[in-house]
Protein backbone atom coordinates (compact mmCIF):
# COMPACT_ATOMS: atom_id res chain seq x y z
CA UNK A 1 -21.22 -22.54 5.98
CA UNK A 2 -21.99 -25.69 7.97
CA UNK A 3 -23.77 -28.51 6.12
CA UNK A 4 -27.52 -28.87 6.57
CA UNK A 5 -28.65 -31.47 9.12
CA UNK A 6 -29.92 -34.65 7.51
CA UNK A 7 -32.81 -36.95 8.27
CA UNK A 8 -31.65 -39.65 10.67
CA UNK A 9 -33.31 -42.33 8.54
CA UNK A 10 -33.18 -41.39 4.85
CA UNK A 11 -30.28 -38.86 4.82
CA UNK A 12 -32.13 -36.11 2.94
CA UNK A 13 -30.81 -32.67 3.94
CA UNK A 14 -33.11 -30.23 5.70
CA UNK A 15 -34.15 -27.24 3.60
CA UNK A 16 -33.73 -29.02 0.27
CA UNK A 17 -36.65 -30.32 -1.80
CA UNK A 18 -39.17 -29.25 0.87
CA UNK A 19 -37.49 -31.44 3.53
CA UNK A 20 -38.37 -30.54 7.13
CA UNK A 21 -37.07 -32.33 10.21
CA UNK A 22 -39.06 -32.82 13.39
CA UNK A 23 -37.64 -32.66 16.92
CA UNK A 24 -36.55 -36.31 16.67
CA UNK A 25 -34.56 -35.72 13.46
CA UNK A 26 -37.07 -37.52 11.23
CA UNK A 27 -38.12 -35.78 7.98
CA UNK A 28 -41.59 -35.15 6.59
CA UNK A 29 -40.93 -37.63 3.77
CA UNK A 30 -40.31 -40.42 6.28
CA UNK A 31 -43.31 -39.49 8.41
CA UNK A 32 -45.57 -39.51 5.34
CA UNK A 33 -44.14 -42.85 4.26
CA UNK A 34 -44.84 -44.39 7.68
CA UNK A 35 -48.44 -43.19 7.47
CA UNK A 36 -49.10 -44.49 3.94
CA UNK A 37 -46.80 -47.45 3.24
CA UNK A 38 -49.31 -50.13 4.19
CA UNK A 39 -51.52 -49.01 1.31
CA UNK A 40 -49.05 -47.96 -1.33
CA UNK A 41 -46.77 -51.00 -1.59
CA UNK A 42 -49.06 -53.75 -0.36
CA UNK A 43 -48.52 -55.69 -3.58
CA UNK A 44 -50.65 -58.64 -2.43
CA UNK A 45 -53.62 -56.34 -1.95
CA UNK A 46 -52.90 -54.31 -5.08
CA UNK A 47 -52.31 -57.18 -7.52
CA UNK A 48 -56.06 -57.86 -8.12
CA UNK A 49 -56.33 -54.33 -9.54
CA UNK A 50 -53.93 -55.32 -12.32
CA UNK A 51 -55.62 -58.69 -12.86
CA UNK A 52 -59.05 -57.08 -13.20
CA UNK A 53 -57.76 -54.52 -15.68
CA UNK A 54 -56.19 -57.16 -17.90
CA UNK A 55 -59.16 -59.52 -17.68
CA UNK A 56 -61.68 -56.79 -18.50
CA UNK A 57 -59.84 -55.90 -21.72
CA UNK A 58 -58.34 -59.25 -22.70
CA UNK A 59 -59.00 -60.04 -26.34
CA UNK A 60 -60.84 -56.79 -27.09
CA UNK A 61 -57.90 -55.46 -29.07
CA UNK A 62 -54.95 -56.97 -30.91
CA UNK A 63 -52.70 -56.33 -27.87
CA UNK A 64 -53.65 -56.51 -24.21
CA UNK A 65 -50.92 -54.05 -23.22
CA UNK A 66 -47.78 -52.25 -24.39
CA UNK A 67 -44.49 -52.36 -22.52
CA UNK A 68 -41.65 -49.89 -22.80
CA UNK A 69 -38.45 -51.68 -23.85
CA UNK A 70 -35.17 -49.92 -23.05
CA UNK A 71 -33.06 -53.06 -22.90
CA UNK A 72 -32.69 -52.67 -19.15
CA UNK A 73 -33.50 -55.13 -16.39
CA UNK A 74 -36.81 -53.62 -15.28
CA UNK A 75 -38.46 -53.42 -18.70
CA UNK A 76 -37.28 -56.96 -19.50
CA UNK A 77 -38.66 -58.29 -16.23
CA UNK A 78 -42.03 -56.58 -16.74
CA UNK A 79 -42.27 -58.09 -20.23
CA UNK A 80 -41.41 -61.54 -18.87
CA UNK A 81 -43.90 -61.41 -15.99
CA UNK A 82 -46.77 -60.09 -18.08
CA UNK A 83 -46.37 -62.86 -20.66
CA UNK A 84 -45.46 -65.66 -18.23
CA UNK A 85 -47.67 -64.97 -15.21
CA UNK A 86 -50.53 -62.98 -16.75
CA UNK A 87 -50.67 -64.50 -20.26
CA UNK A 88 -50.87 -61.02 -21.81
CA UNK A 89 -50.41 -60.42 -25.52
CA UNK A 90 -47.87 -57.58 -25.66
CA UNK A 91 -46.32 -55.04 -27.94
CA UNK A 92 -42.93 -53.81 -26.72
CA UNK A 93 -42.02 -50.27 -27.74
CA UNK A 94 -38.61 -48.60 -27.78
CA UNK A 95 -38.43 -44.81 -27.71
CA UNK A 96 -35.47 -43.96 -29.95
CA UNK A 97 -34.28 -40.52 -28.92
CA UNK A 98 -30.71 -41.18 -30.12
CA UNK A 99 -29.41 -41.67 -26.57
CA UNK A 100 -29.63 -45.45 -26.21
CA UNK A 101 -26.26 -47.15 -25.77
CA UNK A 102 -24.93 -49.96 -27.96
CA UNK A 103 -25.43 -52.19 -24.93
CA UNK A 104 -29.14 -51.27 -24.83
CA UNK A 105 -29.65 -51.94 -28.54
CA UNK A 106 -27.91 -55.30 -28.22
CA UNK A 107 -30.27 -56.29 -25.39
CA UNK A 108 -33.34 -55.02 -27.23
CA UNK A 109 -32.54 -57.11 -30.30
CA UNK A 110 -31.78 -60.25 -28.28
CA UNK A 111 -34.81 -59.91 -26.01
CA UNK A 112 -37.08 -59.55 -29.03
CA UNK A 113 -35.50 -62.55 -30.75
CA UNK A 114 -35.65 -64.86 -27.72
CA UNK A 115 -39.08 -63.91 -26.38
CA UNK A 116 -40.85 -63.54 -29.71
CA UNK A 117 -42.82 -60.53 -28.39
CA UNK A 118 -43.79 -58.08 -31.13
CA UNK A 119 -41.61 -54.98 -31.04
CA UNK A 120 -41.64 -51.52 -32.60
CA UNK A 121 -39.25 -48.57 -32.48
CA UNK A 122 -40.69 -45.07 -32.26
CA UNK A 123 -38.47 -42.21 -33.37
CA UNK A 124 -40.02 -38.85 -32.46
CA UNK A 125 -40.01 -35.67 -34.52
CA UNK A 126 -36.44 -34.84 -33.62
CA UNK A 127 -36.64 -31.13 -34.43
CA UNK A 128 -39.40 -30.82 -31.83
CA UNK A 129 -37.68 -33.00 -29.25
CA UNK A 130 -34.29 -31.37 -29.74
CA UNK A 131 -35.87 -28.05 -28.81
CA UNK A 132 -37.49 -29.75 -25.80
CA UNK A 133 -34.19 -31.29 -24.64
CA UNK A 134 -32.21 -28.10 -25.20
CA UNK A 135 -34.70 -26.08 -23.19
CA UNK A 136 -34.67 -28.69 -20.41
CA UNK A 137 -30.90 -28.34 -20.15
CA UNK A 138 -30.83 -24.54 -20.46
CA UNK A 139 -33.74 -23.68 -18.15
CA UNK A 140 -33.85 -26.60 -15.70
CA UNK A 141 -30.42 -28.20 -15.95
CA UNK A 142 -32.15 -31.50 -16.68
CA UNK A 143 -32.25 -33.27 -20.06
CA UNK A 144 -34.27 -36.09 -18.46
CA UNK A 145 -37.40 -33.91 -18.32
CA UNK A 146 -37.98 -34.50 -22.03
CA UNK A 147 -37.62 -38.26 -21.56
CA UNK A 148 -39.75 -38.62 -18.44
CA UNK A 149 -42.63 -36.25 -19.19
CA UNK A 150 -42.42 -36.59 -22.95
CA UNK A 151 -42.15 -40.37 -22.76
CA UNK A 152 -45.22 -40.61 -20.53
CA UNK A 153 -47.37 -38.50 -22.83
CA UNK A 154 -46.17 -40.31 -25.95
CA UNK A 155 -46.98 -43.63 -24.27
CA UNK A 156 -50.59 -42.56 -23.82
CA UNK A 157 -50.82 -41.11 -27.32
CA UNK A 158 -49.28 -44.23 -28.88
CA UNK A 159 -51.61 -46.60 -27.06
CA UNK A 160 -54.61 -44.51 -28.04
CA UNK A 161 -53.61 -44.45 -31.70
CA UNK A 162 -52.80 -48.18 -31.75
CA UNK A 163 -55.87 -49.10 -29.66
CA UNK A 164 -53.96 -50.67 -26.78
CA UNK A 165 -55.67 -50.32 -23.38
CA UNK A 166 -52.58 -50.14 -21.13
CA UNK A 167 -48.97 -49.05 -21.21
CA UNK A 168 -47.17 -50.91 -18.42
CA UNK A 169 -43.89 -49.43 -17.21
CA UNK A 170 -41.16 -50.71 -14.92
CA UNK A 171 -40.28 -47.70 -12.81
CA UNK A 172 -39.08 -49.00 -9.48
CA UNK A 173 -40.76 -48.04 -6.18
CA UNK A 174 -37.79 -45.83 -5.26
CA UNK A 175 -38.14 -43.95 -8.57
CA UNK A 176 -41.89 -43.53 -8.18
CA UNK A 177 -41.71 -42.49 -4.53
CA UNK A 178 -38.63 -40.28 -4.46
CA UNK A 179 -40.86 -37.20 -3.93
CA UNK A 180 -43.53 -38.85 -1.77
CA UNK A 181 -44.49 -36.22 0.79
CA UNK A 182 -47.62 -34.13 1.57
CA UNK A 183 -48.18 -31.45 -1.05
CA UNK A 184 -45.79 -32.93 -3.61
CA UNK A 185 -45.82 -31.44 -7.11
CA UNK A 186 -44.45 -34.59 -8.73
CA UNK A 187 -46.75 -35.23 -11.70
CA UNK A 188 -46.09 -38.96 -11.47
CA UNK A 189 -47.63 -39.23 -8.02
CA UNK A 190 -51.14 -38.43 -9.25
CA UNK A 191 -50.76 -40.94 -12.06
CA UNK A 192 -49.55 -43.55 -9.59
CA UNK A 193 -52.47 -42.92 -7.25
CA UNK A 194 -54.94 -43.62 -10.07
CA UNK A 195 -53.27 -47.02 -10.53
CA UNK A 196 -54.33 -47.89 -6.98
CA UNK A 197 -58.02 -47.46 -7.78
CA UNK A 198 -60.29 -49.24 -10.22
CA UNK A 199 -59.90 -48.32 -13.90
CA UNK A 200 -61.94 -45.16 -14.57
CA UNK A 201 -61.86 -43.89 -18.19
CA UNK A 202 -63.74 -40.68 -17.42
CA UNK A 203 -61.32 -39.76 -14.63
CA UNK A 204 -58.45 -40.53 -17.00
CA UNK A 205 -59.89 -38.22 -19.66
CA UNK A 206 -60.02 -35.42 -17.11
CA UNK A 207 -56.45 -36.14 -16.02
CA UNK A 208 -55.19 -36.08 -19.61
CA UNK A 209 -56.85 -32.71 -20.22
CA UNK A 210 -55.19 -31.39 -17.06
CA UNK A 211 -51.80 -32.77 -18.15
CA UNK A 212 -52.15 -31.10 -21.56
CA UNK A 213 -52.84 -27.79 -19.81
CA UNK A 214 -49.82 -28.29 -17.52
CA UNK A 215 -47.68 -29.12 -20.52
CA UNK A 216 -48.69 -25.90 -22.27
CA UNK A 217 -47.65 -23.94 -19.17
CA UNK A 218 -44.31 -25.75 -18.96
CA UNK A 219 -43.57 -25.16 -22.63
CA UNK A 220 -44.54 -21.51 -22.28
CA UNK A 221 -41.69 -21.25 -19.77
CA UNK A 222 -39.22 -23.46 -21.65
CA UNK A 223 -39.75 -22.37 -25.25
CA UNK A 224 -40.31 -18.69 -26.08
CA UNK A 225 -40.77 -19.56 -29.78
CA UNK A 226 -44.51 -20.27 -30.35
CA UNK A 227 -43.75 -22.36 -33.45
CA UNK A 228 -41.53 -24.67 -31.39
CA UNK A 229 -44.20 -24.93 -28.67
CA UNK A 230 -46.85 -25.92 -31.22
CA UNK A 231 -44.53 -28.48 -32.79
CA UNK A 232 -43.76 -30.11 -29.44
CA UNK A 233 -47.45 -30.20 -28.46
CA UNK A 234 -48.38 -31.69 -31.84
CA UNK A 235 -45.72 -34.38 -31.46
CA UNK A 236 -46.73 -35.25 -27.91
CA UNK A 237 -50.51 -35.19 -28.15
CA UNK A 238 -51.37 -35.61 -31.83
CA UNK A 239 -55.07 -35.27 -32.45
CA UNK A 240 -57.59 -34.66 -29.69
CA UNK A 241 -59.27 -37.58 -27.92
CA UNK A 242 -62.49 -38.62 -29.68
CA UNK A 243 -65.52 -39.90 -27.83
CA UNK A 244 -65.12 -43.46 -29.16
CA UNK A 245 -61.36 -43.65 -28.50
CA UNK A 246 -59.98 -46.20 -26.08
CA UNK A 247 -58.68 -44.40 -22.98
CA UNK A 248 -55.33 -46.05 -22.23
CA UNK A 249 -53.78 -46.07 -18.79
CA UNK A 250 -50.13 -45.76 -17.74
CA UNK A 251 -49.64 -48.57 -15.24
CA UNK A 252 -46.83 -48.98 -12.72
CA UNK A 253 -46.11 -52.71 -12.63
CA UNK A 254 -44.25 -52.55 -9.31
CA UNK A 255 -47.32 -51.35 -7.47
CA UNK A 256 -48.70 -54.83 -8.09
CA UNK A 257 -45.63 -57.03 -7.69
CA UNK A 258 -42.66 -56.76 -5.30
CA UNK A 259 -39.40 -55.22 -6.47
CA UNK A 260 -35.95 -56.64 -5.72
CA UNK A 261 -33.30 -55.41 -8.15
CA UNK A 262 -30.70 -58.07 -7.36
CA UNK A 263 -33.23 -60.90 -7.58
CA UNK A 264 -34.60 -59.52 -10.86
CA UNK A 265 -31.17 -59.46 -12.52
CA UNK A 266 -30.33 -62.96 -11.29
CA UNK A 267 -33.66 -64.33 -12.52
CA UNK A 268 -33.34 -62.75 -15.97
CA UNK A 269 -29.87 -64.16 -16.45
CA UNK A 270 -30.97 -67.63 -15.33
CA UNK A 271 -33.88 -67.59 -17.82
CA UNK A 272 -31.68 -66.54 -20.75
CA UNK A 273 -34.20 -64.06 -22.14
CA UNK A 274 -31.58 -62.03 -23.98
CA UNK A 275 -30.90 -59.63 -21.13
CA UNK A 276 -27.27 -59.08 -20.22
CA UNK A 277 -26.15 -56.82 -17.36
CA UNK A 278 -23.87 -53.90 -18.31
CA UNK A 279 -20.16 -54.12 -17.63
CA UNK A 280 -20.40 -51.27 -15.11
CA UNK A 281 -23.47 -52.75 -13.43
CA UNK A 282 -24.47 -50.94 -10.24
CA UNK A 283 -27.69 -50.60 -8.28
CA UNK A 284 -29.55 -47.54 -9.67
CA UNK A 285 -27.16 -47.48 -12.64
CA UNK A 286 -28.39 -46.78 -16.18
CA UNK A 287 -26.25 -48.65 -18.67
CA UNK A 288 -28.88 -48.07 -21.35
CA UNK A 289 -28.53 -44.25 -21.49
CA UNK A 290 -25.71 -42.22 -23.03
CA UNK A 291 -26.84 -39.11 -21.11
CA UNK A 292 -26.88 -40.59 -17.63
CA UNK A 293 -23.49 -39.25 -16.54
CA UNK A 294 -24.07 -35.81 -18.09
CA UNK A 295 -27.42 -35.58 -16.28
CA UNK A 296 -25.74 -36.63 -13.02
CA UNK A 297 -23.12 -33.90 -13.50
CA UNK A 298 -25.75 -31.20 -14.16
CA UNK A 299 -27.78 -32.29 -11.14
CA UNK A 300 -24.76 -32.22 -8.84
CA UNK A 301 -23.75 -28.74 -10.01
CA UNK A 302 -27.30 -27.47 -9.62
CA UNK A 303 -28.23 -29.04 -6.29
CA UNK A 304 -24.89 -29.91 -4.74
CA UNK A 305 -26.12 -33.48 -4.22
CA UNK A 306 -25.92 -36.81 -6.00
CA UNK A 307 -28.65 -37.38 -8.57
CA UNK A 308 -29.44 -40.76 -7.06
CA UNK A 309 -29.76 -39.45 -3.47
CA UNK A 310 -33.59 -39.11 -3.66
CA UNK A 311 -33.80 -42.72 -4.90
CA UNK A 312 -31.38 -43.91 -2.20
CA UNK A 313 -33.42 -42.02 0.40
CA UNK A 314 -36.56 -43.78 -0.79
CA UNK A 315 -34.77 -47.13 -0.50
CA UNK A 316 -33.73 -46.30 3.06
CA UNK A 317 -37.26 -45.19 3.87
CA UNK A 318 -38.62 -48.48 2.54
CA UNK A 319 -36.04 -50.49 4.51
CA UNK A 320 -34.56 -51.97 1.33
CA UNK A 321 -30.94 -51.06 2.20
CA UNK A 322 -28.77 -50.07 5.15
CA UNK A 323 -26.95 -46.76 5.50
CA UNK A 324 -23.66 -48.45 4.71
CA UNK A 325 -25.18 -49.89 1.53
CA UNK A 326 -26.56 -46.44 0.73
CA UNK A 327 -23.07 -44.95 0.85
CA UNK A 328 -21.77 -47.66 -1.48
CA UNK A 329 -24.59 -47.03 -3.97
CA UNK A 330 -23.91 -43.29 -3.95
CA UNK A 331 -20.22 -43.94 -4.54
CA UNK A 332 -20.88 -46.43 -7.35
CA UNK A 333 -23.14 -43.91 -9.09
CA UNK A 334 -20.62 -41.06 -9.03
CA UNK A 335 -19.21 -40.81 -12.57
CA UNK A 336 -15.56 -40.08 -13.22
CA UNK A 337 -14.45 -36.94 -15.05
CA UNK A 338 -13.80 -38.99 -18.20
CA UNK A 339 -17.27 -40.57 -18.01
CA UNK A 340 -18.86 -37.14 -17.60
CA UNK A 341 -16.91 -35.72 -20.56
CA UNK A 342 -17.90 -38.62 -22.81
CA UNK A 343 -21.56 -38.29 -21.83
CA UNK A 344 -21.55 -34.50 -22.24
CA UNK A 345 -20.07 -35.01 -25.71
CA UNK A 346 -23.01 -37.20 -26.72
CA UNK A 347 -25.43 -34.63 -25.34
CA UNK A 348 -23.89 -31.67 -27.16
CA UNK A 349 -23.58 -33.54 -30.47
CA UNK A 350 -27.19 -34.65 -30.43
CA UNK A 351 -28.54 -31.27 -29.34
CA UNK A 352 -26.17 -29.31 -31.62
CA UNK A 353 -25.20 -27.19 -28.62
CA UNK A 354 -21.78 -25.46 -28.48
CA UNK A 355 -19.60 -26.42 -25.53
CA UNK A 356 -19.24 -22.77 -24.55
CA UNK A 357 -23.02 -22.44 -24.22
CA UNK A 358 -23.17 -25.60 -22.11
CA UNK A 359 -20.42 -24.36 -19.79
CA UNK A 360 -22.32 -21.10 -19.25
CA UNK A 361 -25.41 -23.11 -18.33
CA UNK A 362 -23.43 -25.15 -15.80
CA UNK A 363 -22.00 -21.98 -14.22
CA UNK A 364 -25.46 -20.46 -13.96
CA UNK A 365 -26.94 -23.63 -12.43
CA UNK A 366 -24.29 -23.61 -9.72
CA UNK A 367 -25.48 -20.15 -8.63
CA UNK A 368 -29.20 -20.87 -8.74
CA UNK A 369 -31.60 -22.18 -6.12
CA UNK A 370 -31.89 -25.91 -5.64
CA UNK A 371 -35.67 -25.73 -6.16
CA UNK A 372 -36.95 -28.45 -8.48
CA UNK A 373 -39.83 -27.86 -10.91
CA UNK A 374 -41.72 -31.08 -10.16
CA UNK A 375 -40.31 -32.21 -6.83
């Protein structure tokens, strides 16, 4: 079978992930990007939206915002900019799912010590999250679903319970916009769009009710055991929103400030904030996660493509890299067999999953459609 033709600009293959090419060889993702880019990543125009949010809530609560702290470059940079340029009083929060590397924990400790920003570690109900992770692997071939969706919902719940008006995250533009096309089902796109409008607590309440409904549907598919579904929902959402609750917002920092990965790393190292790049540093790499290589392996077996290709395509679309640089990034993010085995070992130990069961899942994924649940 001949390989699918690819977009002449971003290299996405036709027929995968709802990609369609026009007569010029340009895909629908690229066309949509050309039509919308002036609004989406106009950071000069968008920055006042962040300033107004912070100013409107400054001093009302003990913290002006929370920041996720993984020990990586992006979370460290967001923490630095919010304290240095916006004078925000922050709480940094680390989600301890048992998959952070020693490198990540070293950075987290040093960043907290050198910046003096208050820090807390949140360890979820692991029985609930183990079921969530296991189902993500078994049904979707993706352990990252539990981190991405679960982490977002827990961020909102945590800020509500701690009375913090905003959770500011450091997802890069290429991560946020990897599925930016008309009709996308990416749940993050709707959240991102709300960041580009004025803060609206009533609209947020409606969105959170819709997300809870979507989560129930997802768990109905993932977890046949109703007790496990209830336990996951209870962990993620806690009590219901009350009328007098603060309505926190999940804010994408890099909608308001420009993103340059190389410049960010160089700046952090020059400031000596406690951040240290990983030994195997690579653009789009994840030295903070023990599961990264296992997730890359599952994705490749399921879709026949590199896990970072959608991110690389977004970078090409945005003009951040050349095609030659894209090929180098894809190569640098291809784990070796030994790296995959080590990462899979961490995954199976933490999930208490037999290797034989995992191998059956991988074989099944290789035969299934490449359709993604939220792409």
